[in-house]
Amino acid sequence: MASTHTRRYWIVAVLSLVLAGPALGQVGTTMKIRLTIDGKAIEATLLDNATARDFLSLLPLTLTLEDYASTEKISYLPRKLSSAGAAADVDPAPGDVAYYAPWGNLAIFYKDSGYAKGLVKLGRLDAGVEALSVRGSLKATIEAPGKWGACHAMEERGAAKDLRVPKDLSSARQRSPN
């Protein structure tokens, strides 16, 4: 009988810890955003970290995503994001949404890429990564829930931000395994 009581105690204790995880400081919240690329809506899930929240504060944005190294689409943001306390060394996978702190640009990966020092993962596309694997640049609108459609209204008034990557990428980003 004592062993049954002890087992029940441990099961209740473990379940309590599992269910209370987020209350004990573990990150359990995510944020949704929508990217509209050439008229196709793609949802993404942002991680709950300071850099992702700072990115969210910039939305809505209209960006020109330029191809970089045939693995990702990049665009500079209107300002650098806070990356304090963020893990800034990532081995990105297709569908990852990231921020490259040294350059201050958004990067959305459509092919596997190697480790990159200074890359902060913001989140991941929920689906639709194939929309990025086309040659050349793409116009993208990125919006947060509750603001979906707001960027289109801003465009009509000529107030949307259109940020382009400079044509001269001669100072190519160096990825280092260190």
C-alpha atoms as a PDB file:
ATOM      1  CA  MET A   1       0.000   0.000   0.000  1.00  0.00           C
ATOM      2  CA  ALA A   2       2.856   2.382   0.774  1.00  0.00           C
ATOM      3  CA  SER A   3       4.327   1.822  -2.680  1.00  0.00           C
ATOM      4  CA  THR A   4       0.995   2.691  -4.358  1.00  0.00           C
ATOM      5  CA  HIS A   5       0.788   5.834  -2.231  1.00  0.00           C
ATOM      6  CA  THR A   6       4.408   6.710  -3.066  1.00  0.00           C
ATOM      7  CA  ARG A   7       3.818   6.158  -6.792  1.00  0.00           C
ATOM      8  CA  ARG A   8       0.735   8.402  -6.729  1.00  0.00           C
ATOM      9  CA  TYR A   9       2.721  11.060  -4.887  1.00  0.00           C
ATOM     10  CA  TRP A  10       5.472  11.020  -7.525  1.00  0.00           C
ATOM     11  CA  ILE A  11       2.998  11.042 -10.403  1.00  0.00           C
ATOM     12  CA  VAL A  12       1.203  14.051  -8.915  1.00  0.00           C
ATOM     13  CA  ALA A  13       4.536  15.780  -8.220  1.00  0.00           C
ATOM     14  CA  VAL A  14       5.821  15.253 -11.775  1.00  0.00           C
ATOM     15  CA  LEU A  15       2.530  16.353 -13.349  1.00  0.00           C
ATOM     16  CA  SER A  16       2.510  19.458 -11.165  1.00  0.00           C
ATOM     17  CA  LEU A  17       5.988  20.401 -12.364  1.00  0.00           C
ATOM     18  CA  VAL A  18       5.144  19.753 -15.998  1.00  0.00           C
ATOM     19  CA  LEU A  19       1.925  21.758 -15.869  1.00  0.00           C
ATOM     20  CA  ALA A  20       3.526  24.568 -13.867  1.00  0.00           C
ATOM     21  CA  GLY A  21       6.556  24.810 -16.204  1.00  0.00           C
ATOM     22  CA  PRO A  22       5.750  28.203 -17.737  1.00  0.00           C
ATOM     23  CA  ALA A  23       4.954  29.635 -14.307  1.00  0.00           C
ATOM     24  CA  LEU A  24       8.424  28.599 -13.158  1.00  0.00           C
ATOM     25  CA  GLY A  25      10.127  30.857 -15.706  1.00  0.00           C
ATOM     26  CA  GLN A  26      10.141  28.582 -18.736  1.00  0.00           C
ATOM     27  CA  VAL A  27       9.180  30.245 -21.981  1.00  0.00           C
ATOM     28  CA  GLY A  28       5.801  28.993 -23.096  1.00  0.00           C
ATOM     29  CA  THR A  29       4.379  31.835 -25.196  1.00  0.00           C
ATOM     30  CA  THR A  30       4.664  32.312 -28.943  1.00  0.00           C
ATOM     31  CA  MET A  31       3.517  35.123 -31.208  1.00  0.00           C
ATOM     32  CA  LYS A  32       2.008  34.844 -34.691  1.00  0.00           C
ATOM     33  CA  ILE A  33       2.835  37.085 -37.630  1.00  0.00           C
ATOM     34  CA  ARG A  34       1.701  37.059 -41.246  1.00  0.00           C
ATOM     35  CA  LEU A  35       3.937  37.572 -44.247  1.00  0.00           C
ATOM     36  CA  THR A  36       2.265  38.385 -47.539  1.00  0.00           C
ATOM     37  CA  ILE A  37       4.603  37.624 -50.418  1.00  0.00           C
ATOM     38  CA  ASP A  38       3.379  38.269 -53.955  1.00  0.00           C
ATOM     39  CA  GLY A  39      -0.207  38.058 -52.705  1.00  0.00           C
ATOM     40  CA  LYS A  40       0.281  34.763 -50.826  1.00  0.00           C
ATOM     41  CA  ALA A  41      -0.287  34.879 -47.043  1.00  0.00           C
ATOM     42  CA  ILE A  42       2.196  32.857 -44.988  1.00  0.00           C
ATOM     43  CA  GLU A  43       1.941  32.635 -41.232  1.00  0.00           C
ATOM     44  CA  ALA A  44       4.942  32.355 -38.967  1.00  0.00           C
ATOM     45  CA  THR A  45       5.399  31.760 -35.270  1.00  0.00           C
ATOM     46  CA  LEU A  46       7.850  33.973 -33.411  1.00  0.00           C
ATOM     47  CA  LEU A  47       9.701  32.788 -30.347  1.00  0.00           C
ATOM     48  CA  ASP A  48       9.123  34.614 -27.099  1.00  0.00           C
ATOM     49  CA  ASN A  49      12.459  36.364 -26.733  1.00  0.00           C
ATOM     50  CA  ALA A  50      13.478  40.017 -26.463  1.00  0.00           C
ATOM     51  CA  THR A  51      14.709  40.244 -30.053  1.00  0.00           C
ATOM     52  CA  ALA A  52      11.477  38.771 -31.471  1.00  0.00           C
ATOM     53  CA  ARG A  53       9.400  41.143 -29.336  1.00  0.00           C
ATOM     54  CA  ASP A  54      11.495  44.074 -30.579  1.00  0.00           C
ATOM     55  CA  PHE A  55      10.928  42.922 -34.167  1.00  0.00           C
ATOM     56  CA  LEU A  56       7.191  42.664 -33.478  1.00  0.00           C
ATOM     57  CA  SER A  57       7.202  46.304 -32.320  1.00  0.00           C
ATOM     58  CA  LEU A  58       8.285  47.387 -35.844  1.00  0.00           C
ATOM     59  CA  LEU A  59       5.271  45.856 -37.546  1.00  0.00           C
ATOM     60  CA  PRO A  60       3.645  46.438 -39.915  1.00  0.00           C
ATOM     61  CA  LEU A  61       6.472  46.600 -42.455  1.00  0.00           C
ATOM     62  CA  THR A  62       6.718  46.352 -46.211  1.00  0.00           C
ATOM     63  CA  LEU A  63      10.141  45.075 -47.222  1.00  0.00           C
ATOM     64  CA  THR A  64      11.956  44.107 -50.359  1.00  0.00           C
ATOM     65  CA  LEU A  65      13.517  40.727 -49.690  1.00  0.00           C
ATOM     66  CA  GLU A  66      16.714  40.230 -51.678  1.00  0.00           C
ATOM     67  CA  ASP A  67      18.282  36.867 -52.344  1.00  0.00           C
ATOM     68  CA  TYR A  68      21.451  36.157 -50.395  1.00  0.00           C
ATOM     69  CA  ALA A  69      23.775  33.226 -51.119  1.00  0.00           C
ATOM     70  CA  SER A  70      20.912  31.288 -52.765  1.00  0.00           C
ATOM     71  CA  THR A  71      19.803  30.152 -49.300  1.00  0.00           C
ATOM     72  CA  GLU A  72      17.917  33.054 -47.732  1.00  0.00           C
ATOM     73  CA  LYS A  73      16.026  36.250 -48.408  1.00  0.00           C
ATOM     74  CA  ILE A  74      17.241  39.287 -46.489  1.00  0.00           C
ATOM     75  CA  SER A  75      16.159  42.852 -45.884  1.00  0.00           C
ATOM     76  CA  TYR A  76      17.450  45.611 -43.665  1.00  0.00           C
ATOM     77  CA  LEU A  77      15.155  46.798 -40.918  1.00  0.00           C
ATOM     78  CA  PRO A  78      14.484  50.469 -40.103  1.00  0.00           C
ATOM     79  CA  ARG A  79      16.632  50.133 -36.981  1.00  0.00           C
ATOM     80  CA  LYS A  80      18.779  47.556 -35.246  1.00  0.00           C
ATOM     81  CA  LEU A  81      16.980  45.231 -32.869  1.00  0.00           C
ATOM     82  CA  SER A  82      17.941  44.545 -29.291  1.00  0.00           C
ATOM     83  CA  SER A  83      19.819  41.265 -29.102  1.00  0.00           C
ATOM     84  CA  ALA A  84      20.833  41.541 -25.443  1.00  0.00           C
ATOM     85  CA  GLY A  85      20.613  38.169 -23.764  1.00  0.00           C
ATOM     86  CA  ALA A  86      19.813  36.374 -27.027  1.00  0.00           C
ATOM     87  CA  ALA A  87      21.582  33.243 -28.230  1.00  0.00           C
ATOM     88  CA  ALA A  88      23.397  34.775 -31.200  1.00  0.00           C
ATOM     89  CA  ASP A  89      24.862  31.661 -32.773  1.00  0.00           C
ATOM     90  CA  VAL A  90      22.461  29.630 -34.887  1.00  0.00           C
ATOM     91  CA  ASP A  91      22.579  26.836 -37.452  1.00  0.00           C
ATOM     92  CA  PRO A  92      19.493  27.857 -39.443  1.00  0.00           C
ATOM     93  CA  ALA A  93      17.152  25.455 -41.223  1.00  0.00           C
ATOM     94  CA  PRO A  94      14.709  26.082 -44.075  1.00  0.00           C
ATOM     95  CA  GLY A  95      11.772  28.102 -42.760  1.00  0.00           C
ATOM     96  CA  ASP A  96      13.719  29.812 -39.978  1.00  0.00           C
ATOM     97  CA  VAL A  97      13.161  33.547 -39.496  1.00  0.00           C
ATOM     98  CA  ALA A  98      16.223  35.213 -37.987  1.00  0.00           C
ATOM     99  CA  TYR A  99      17.942  38.508 -37.309  1.00  0.00           C
ATOM    100  CA  TYR A 100      21.597  38.964 -38.281  1.00  0.00           C
ATOM    101  CA  ALA A 101      22.785  41.353 -35.567  1.00  0.00           C
ATOM    102  CA  PRO A 102      26.084  42.514 -37.157  1.00  0.00           C
ATOM    103  CA  TRP A 103      24.278  43.823 -40.254  1.00  0.00           C
ATOM    104  CA  GLY A 104      20.896  44.599 -38.696  1.00  0.00           C
ATOM    105  CA  ASN A 105      18.940  42.591 -41.244  1.00  0.00           C
ATOM    106  CA  LEU A 106      16.056  40.169 -41.265  1.00  0.00           C
ATOM    107  CA  ALA A 107      16.871  36.765 -42.796  1.00  0.00           C
ATOM    108  CA  ILE A 108      14.331  34.156 -43.854  1.00  0.00           C
ATOM    109  CA  PHE A 109      15.918  30.855 -44.870  1.00  0.00           C
ATOM    110  CA  TYR A 110      14.547  28.762 -47.712  1.00  0.00           C
ATOM    111  CA  LYS A 111      17.485  26.339 -47.907  1.00  0.00           C
ATOM    112  CA  ASP A 112      19.698  24.725 -45.319  1.00  0.00           C
ATOM    113  CA  SER A 113      22.547  26.985 -44.313  1.00  0.00           C
ATOM    114  CA  GLY A 114      25.613  26.657 -42.158  1.00  0.00           C
ATOM    115  CA  TYR A 115      26.222  27.932 -38.665  1.00  0.00           C
ATOM    116  CA  ALA A 116      26.266  31.710 -38.401  1.00  0.00           C
ATOM    117  CA  LYS A 117      27.776  33.695 -35.552  1.00  0.00           C
ATOM    118  CA  GLY A 118      25.626  36.743 -34.772  1.00  0.00           C
ATOM    119  CA  LEU A 119      22.398  35.171 -36.060  1.00  0.00           C
ATOM    120  CA  VAL A 120      19.463  35.331 -33.614  1.00  0.00           C
ATOM    121  CA  LYS A 121      16.507  33.032 -34.288  1.00  0.00           C
ATOM    122  CA  LEU A 122      13.226  34.968 -34.211  1.00  0.00           C
ATOM    123  CA  GLY A 123      10.901  32.138 -35.178  1.00  0.00           C
ATOM    124  CA  ARG A 124       9.806  29.879 -37.987  1.00  0.00           C
ATOM    125  CA  LEU A 125       7.452  29.914 -40.973  1.00  0.00           C
ATOM    126  CA  ASP A 126       4.473  27.649 -40.278  1.00  0.00           C
ATOM    127  CA  ALA A 127       4.345  26.639 -43.977  1.00  0.00           C
ATOM    128  CA  GLY A 128       4.991  28.114 -47.416  1.00  0.00           C
ATOM    129  CA  VAL A 129       8.789  28.277 -47.436  1.00  0.00           C
ATOM    130  CA  GLU A 130       8.703  27.422 -51.166  1.00  0.00           C
ATOM    131  CA  ALA A 131       7.368  30.940 -51.861  1.00  0.00           C
ATOM    132  CA  LEU A 132      10.852  32.265 -51.041  1.00  0.00           C
ATOM    133  CA  SER A 133      12.845  29.913 -53.261  1.00  0.00           C
ATOM    134  CA  VAL A 134      12.512  32.016 -56.389  1.00  0.00           C
ATOM    135  CA  ARG A 135      15.223  34.015 -58.090  1.00  0.00           C
ATOM    136  CA  GLY A 136      15.493  37.705 -57.432  1.00  0.00           C
ATOM    137  CA  SER A 137      13.769  40.000 -54.998  1.00  0.00           C
ATOM    138  CA  LEU A 138      10.310  39.731 -53.504  1.00  0.00           C
ATOM    139  CA  LYS A 139       8.065  42.351 -51.983  1.00  0.00           C
ATOM    140  CA  ALA A 140       6.787  41.243 -48.577  1.00  0.00           C
ATOM    141  CA  THR A 141       4.400  42.750 -46.087  1.00  0.00           C
ATOM    142  CA  ILE A 142       4.833  41.574 -42.505  1.00  0.00           C
ATOM    143  CA  GLU A 143       2.030  42.175 -40.017  1.00  0.00           C
ATOM    144  CA  ALA A 144       1.085  41.235 -36.483  1.00  0.00           C
ATOM    145  CA  PRO A 145      -2.354  39.930 -35.421  1.00  0.00           C
ATOM    146  CA  GLY A 146      -4.817  42.768 -35.070  1.00  0.00           C
ATOM    147  CA  LYS A 147      -2.823  44.764 -37.607  1.00  0.00           C
ATOM    148  CA  TRP A 148      -3.429  42.446 -40.584  1.00  0.00           C
ATOM    149  CA  GLY A 149      -4.444  44.669 -43.426  1.00  0.00           C
ATOM    150  CA  ALA A 150      -3.033  47.813 -41.779  1.00  0.00           C
ATOM    151  CA  CYS A 151       0.088  47.811 -43.926  1.00  0.00           C
ATOM    152  CA  HIS A 152      -1.981  47.630 -47.107  1.00  0.00           C
ATOM    153  CA  ALA A 153      -3.920  50.701 -46.007  1.00  0.00           C
ATOM    154  CA  MET A 154      -0.624  52.466 -45.285  1.00  0.00           C
ATOM    155  CA  GLU A 155       0.640  51.573 -48.771  1.00  0.00           C
ATOM    156  CA  GLU A 156      -2.417  53.174 -50.330  1.00  0.00           C
ATOM    157  CA  ARG A 157      -1.576  56.391 -48.453  1.00  0.00           C
ATOM    158  CA  GLY A 158       2.108  56.061 -49.435  1.00  0.00           C
ATOM    159  CA  ALA A 159       3.142  55.733 -45.807  1.00  0.00           C
ATOM    160  CA  ALA A 160       4.401  52.123 -45.721  1.00  0.00           C
ATOM    161  CA  LYS A 161       8.088  51.563 -45.199  1.00  0.00           C
ATOM    162  CA  ASP A 162       9.803  49.973 -48.211  1.00  0.00           C
ATOM    163  CA  LEU A 163      13.266  48.947 -47.213  1.00  0.00           C
ATOM    164  CA  ARG A 164      15.670  47.563 -49.779  1.00  0.00           C
ATOM    165  CA  VAL A 165      18.989  45.790 -49.511  1.00  0.00           C
ATOM    166  CA  PRO A 166      21.747  47.851 -51.138  1.00  0.00           C
ATOM    167  CA  LYS A 167      22.779  46.464 -54.543  1.00  0.00           C
ATOM    168  CA  ASP A 168      26.420  46.375 -53.431  1.00  0.00           C
ATOM    169  CA  LEU A 169      26.799  43.287 -51.299  1.00  0.00           C
ATOM    170  CA  SER A 170      30.585  43.285 -51.749  1.00  0.00           C
ATOM    171  CA  SER A 171      31.043  43.227 -47.982  1.00  0.00           C
ATOM    172  CA  ALA A 172      29.542  39.723 -47.952  1.00  0.00           C
ATOM    173  CA  ARG A 173      28.634  38.314 -44.601  1.00  0.00           C
ATOM    174  CA  GLN A 174      31.270  35.968 -43.311  1.00  0.00           C
ATOM    175  CA  ARG A 175      30.003  32.911 -41.496  1.00  0.00           C
ATOM    176  CA  SER A 176      32.390  31.508 -39.011  1.00  0.00           C
ATOM    177  CA  PRO A 177      32.267  28.190 -37.151  1.00  0.00           C
ATOM    178  CA  ASN A 178      33.622  29.969 -34.057  1.00  0.00           C
END
